[in-house]
C-alpha atoms as a PDB file:
ATOM      1  CA  UNK A   1     -69.264 -29.058  -2.917  1.00  0.00           C
ATOM      2  CA  UNK A   2     -66.907 -31.683  -4.740  1.00  0.00           C
ATOM      3  CA  UNK A   3     -65.223 -29.037  -6.825  1.00  0.00           C
ATOM      4  CA  UNK A   4     -64.595 -27.138  -3.600  1.00  0.00           C
ATOM      5  CA  UNK A   5     -62.940 -30.029  -2.107  1.00  0.00           C
ATOM      6  CA  UNK A   6     -60.824 -30.700  -5.377  1.00  0.00           C
ATOM      7  CA  UNK A   7     -59.847 -27.067  -5.390  1.00  0.00           C
ATOM      8  CA  UNK A   8     -58.736 -27.554  -1.660  1.00  0.00           C
ATOM      9  CA  UNK A   9     -56.943 -30.428  -2.501  1.00  0.00           C
ATOM     10  CA  UNK A  10     -54.945 -28.929  -5.633  1.00  0.00           C
ATOM     11  CA  UNK A  11     -54.004 -25.865  -3.437  1.00  0.00           C
ATOM     12  CA  UNK A  12     -52.792 -27.951  -0.467  1.00  0.00           C
ATOM     13  CA  UNK A  13     -50.640 -30.075  -3.185  1.00  0.00           C
ATOM     14  CA  UNK A  14     -49.182 -26.908  -4.787  1.00  0.00           C
ATOM     15  CA  UNK A  15     -48.194 -25.314  -1.083  1.00  0.00           C
ATOM     16  CA  UNK A  16     -46.304 -28.550  -0.147  1.00  0.00           C
ATOM     17  CA  UNK A  17     -44.775 -28.504  -3.613  1.00  0.00           C
ATOM     18  CA  UNK A  18     -43.529 -24.617  -3.195  1.00  0.00           C
ATOM     19  CA  UNK A  19     -42.350 -25.678   0.268  1.00  0.00           C
ATOM     20  CA  UNK A  20     -40.479 -28.513  -0.701  1.00  0.00           C
ATOM     21  CA  UNK A  21     -38.650 -26.374  -3.490  1.00  0.00           C
ATOM     22  CA  UNK A  22     -37.980 -23.611  -1.145  1.00  0.00           C
ATOM     23  CA  UNK A  23     -36.282 -26.204   1.065  1.00  0.00           C
ATOM     24  CA  UNK A  24     -34.086 -27.324  -1.465  1.00  0.00           C
ATOM     25  CA  UNK A  25     -32.830 -24.000  -2.546  1.00  0.00           C
ATOM     26  CA  UNK A  26     -32.286 -22.387   0.856  1.00  0.00           C
ATOM     27  CA  UNK A  27     -30.437 -25.801   1.905  1.00  0.00           C
ATOM     28  CA  UNK A  28     -26.882 -25.199   3.386  1.00  0.00           C
ATOM     29  CA  UNK A  29     -24.236 -26.348   1.224  1.00  0.00           C
ATOM     30  CA  UNK A  30     -22.502 -29.727   2.391  1.00  0.00           C
ATOM     31  CA  UNK A  31     -19.369 -29.305   3.725  1.00  0.00           C
ATOM     32  CA  UNK A  32     -16.017 -30.545   2.452  1.00  0.00           C
ATOM     33  CA  UNK A  33     -14.713 -32.270   5.671  1.00  0.00           C
ATOM     34  CA  UNK A  34     -16.071 -33.070   9.077  1.00  0.00           C
ATOM     35  CA  UNK A  35     -14.466 -34.380  12.243  1.00  0.00           C
ATOM     36  CA  UNK A  36     -16.320 -37.103  14.323  1.00  0.00           C
ATOM     37  CA  UNK A  37     -16.812 -35.964  17.962  1.00  0.00           C
ATOM     38  CA  UNK A  38     -16.600 -38.267  20.815  1.00  0.00           C
ATOM     39  CA  UNK A  39     -18.861 -38.624  23.800  1.00  0.00           C
ATOM     40  CA  UNK A  40     -18.245 -37.361  27.021  1.00  0.00           C
ATOM     41  CA  UNK A  41     -17.031 -33.899  28.425  1.00  0.00           C
ATOM     42  CA  UNK A  42     -15.544 -31.833  25.526  1.00  0.00           C
ATOM     43  CA  UNK A  43     -16.138 -34.011  23.303  1.00  0.00           C
ATOM     44  CA  UNK A  44     -12.924 -34.828  21.466  1.00  0.00           C
ATOM     45  CA  UNK A  45     -12.103 -35.293  17.849  1.00  0.00           C
ATOM     46  CA  UNK A  46     -12.182 -38.810  17.180  1.00  0.00           C
ATOM     47  CA  UNK A  47     -11.678 -39.064  13.315  1.00  0.00           C
ATOM     48  CA  UNK A  48     -11.442 -36.889   9.936  1.00  0.00           C
ATOM     49  CA  UNK A  49     -14.200 -37.722   7.368  1.00  0.00           C
ATOM     50  CA  UNK A  50     -14.812 -36.240   3.928  1.00  0.00           C
ATOM     51  CA  UNK A  51     -17.969 -34.234   4.080  1.00  0.00           C
ATOM     52  CA  UNK A  52     -19.996 -36.938   2.155  1.00  0.00           C
ATOM     53  CA  UNK A  53     -18.992 -39.788   4.129  1.00  0.00           C
ATOM     54  CA  UNK A  54     -21.358 -42.415   5.334  1.00  0.00           C
ATOM     55  CA  UNK A  55     -19.890 -43.601   8.333  1.00  0.00           C
ATOM     56  CA  UNK A  56     -19.309 -40.478  10.083  1.00  0.00           C
ATOM     57  CA  UNK A  57     -21.817 -40.509  12.825  1.00  0.00           C
ATOM     58  CA  UNK A  58     -24.355 -37.854  14.310  1.00  0.00           C
ATOM     59  CA  UNK A  59     -21.828 -36.077  16.477  1.00  0.00           C
ATOM     60  CA  UNK A  60     -19.848 -34.048  13.989  1.00  0.00           C
ATOM     61  CA  UNK A  61     -18.706 -30.692  13.204  1.00  0.00           C
ATOM     62  CA  UNK A  62     -17.576 -28.817   9.632  1.00  0.00           C
ATOM     63  CA  UNK A  63     -13.936 -28.010   9.327  1.00  0.00           C
ATOM     64  CA  UNK A  64     -12.295 -26.486   6.613  1.00  0.00           C
ATOM     65  CA  UNK A  65      -9.359 -28.200   4.504  1.00  0.00           C
ATOM     66  CA  UNK A  66      -6.813 -26.489   6.865  1.00  0.00           C
ATOM     67  CA  UNK A  67      -7.870 -27.621  10.175  1.00  0.00           C
ATOM     68  CA  UNK A  68      -8.465 -31.542   8.279  1.00  0.00           C
ATOM     69  CA  UNK A  69      -4.829 -31.138   7.680  1.00  0.00           C
ATOM     70  CA  UNK A  70      -3.829 -30.075  10.990  1.00  0.00           C
ATOM     71  CA  UNK A  71      -5.791 -32.589  12.588  1.00  0.00           C
ATOM     72  CA  UNK A  72      -4.524 -35.581  10.484  1.00  0.00           C
ATOM     73  CA  UNK A  73      -0.893 -34.295  10.851  1.00  0.00           C
ATOM     74  CA  UNK A  74      -1.209 -34.062  14.602  1.00  0.00           C
ATOM     75  CA  UNK A  75      -2.249 -37.872  14.752  1.00  0.00           C
ATOM     76  CA  UNK A  76      -5.659 -38.070  14.803  1.00  0.00           C
ATOM     77  CA  UNK A  77      -6.905 -40.887  12.404  1.00  0.00           C
ATOM     78  CA  UNK A  78      -8.471 -40.781   9.115  1.00  0.00           C
ATOM     79  CA  UNK A  79     -11.610 -42.436   8.015  1.00  0.00           C
ATOM     80  CA  UNK A  80     -10.987 -45.880   6.571  1.00  0.00           C
ATOM     81  CA  UNK A  81     -14.060 -45.741   4.235  1.00  0.00           C
ATOM     82  CA  UNK A  82     -13.429 -42.162   2.857  1.00  0.00           C
ATOM     83  CA  UNK A  83     -10.012 -41.756   3.190  1.00  0.00           C
ATOM     84  CA  UNK A  84      -9.488 -37.838   3.679  1.00  0.00           C
ATOM     85  CA  UNK A  85      -6.040 -38.434   4.408  1.00  0.00           C
ATOM     86  CA  UNK A  86      -5.250 -39.165   0.632  1.00  0.00           C
ATOM     87  CA  UNK A  87      -7.264 -36.314  -0.945  1.00  0.00           C
ATOM     88  CA  UNK A  88      -5.295 -34.131   1.537  1.00  0.00           C
ATOM     89  CA  UNK A  89      -2.022 -35.399   0.511  1.00  0.00           C
ATOM     90  CA  UNK A  90      -1.085 -36.560   4.427  1.00  0.00           C
ATOM     91  CA  UNK A  91       1.340 -39.166   4.038  1.00  0.00           C
ATOM     92  CA  UNK A  92       2.471 -41.291   6.996  1.00  0.00           C
END
């Protein structure tokens, strides 16, 4: 009886580990640039961030390098923490 319980616990642990490893392998890549979106109708863009910025907030969308440069050039503010305008070489 004890041996069956121990075997069940071991198999449960191995299954959980296999699921966790699978999750890490199929996880989507982190975006290079993101835009923080506002609240309300249309959710207008608020700020441009680097993909790993901690201050980006929950409402965001991944963008490519060209769109990030276009948004910054059109006057959208850059995040003061990650400073994507410096990485993208956008000068005021």
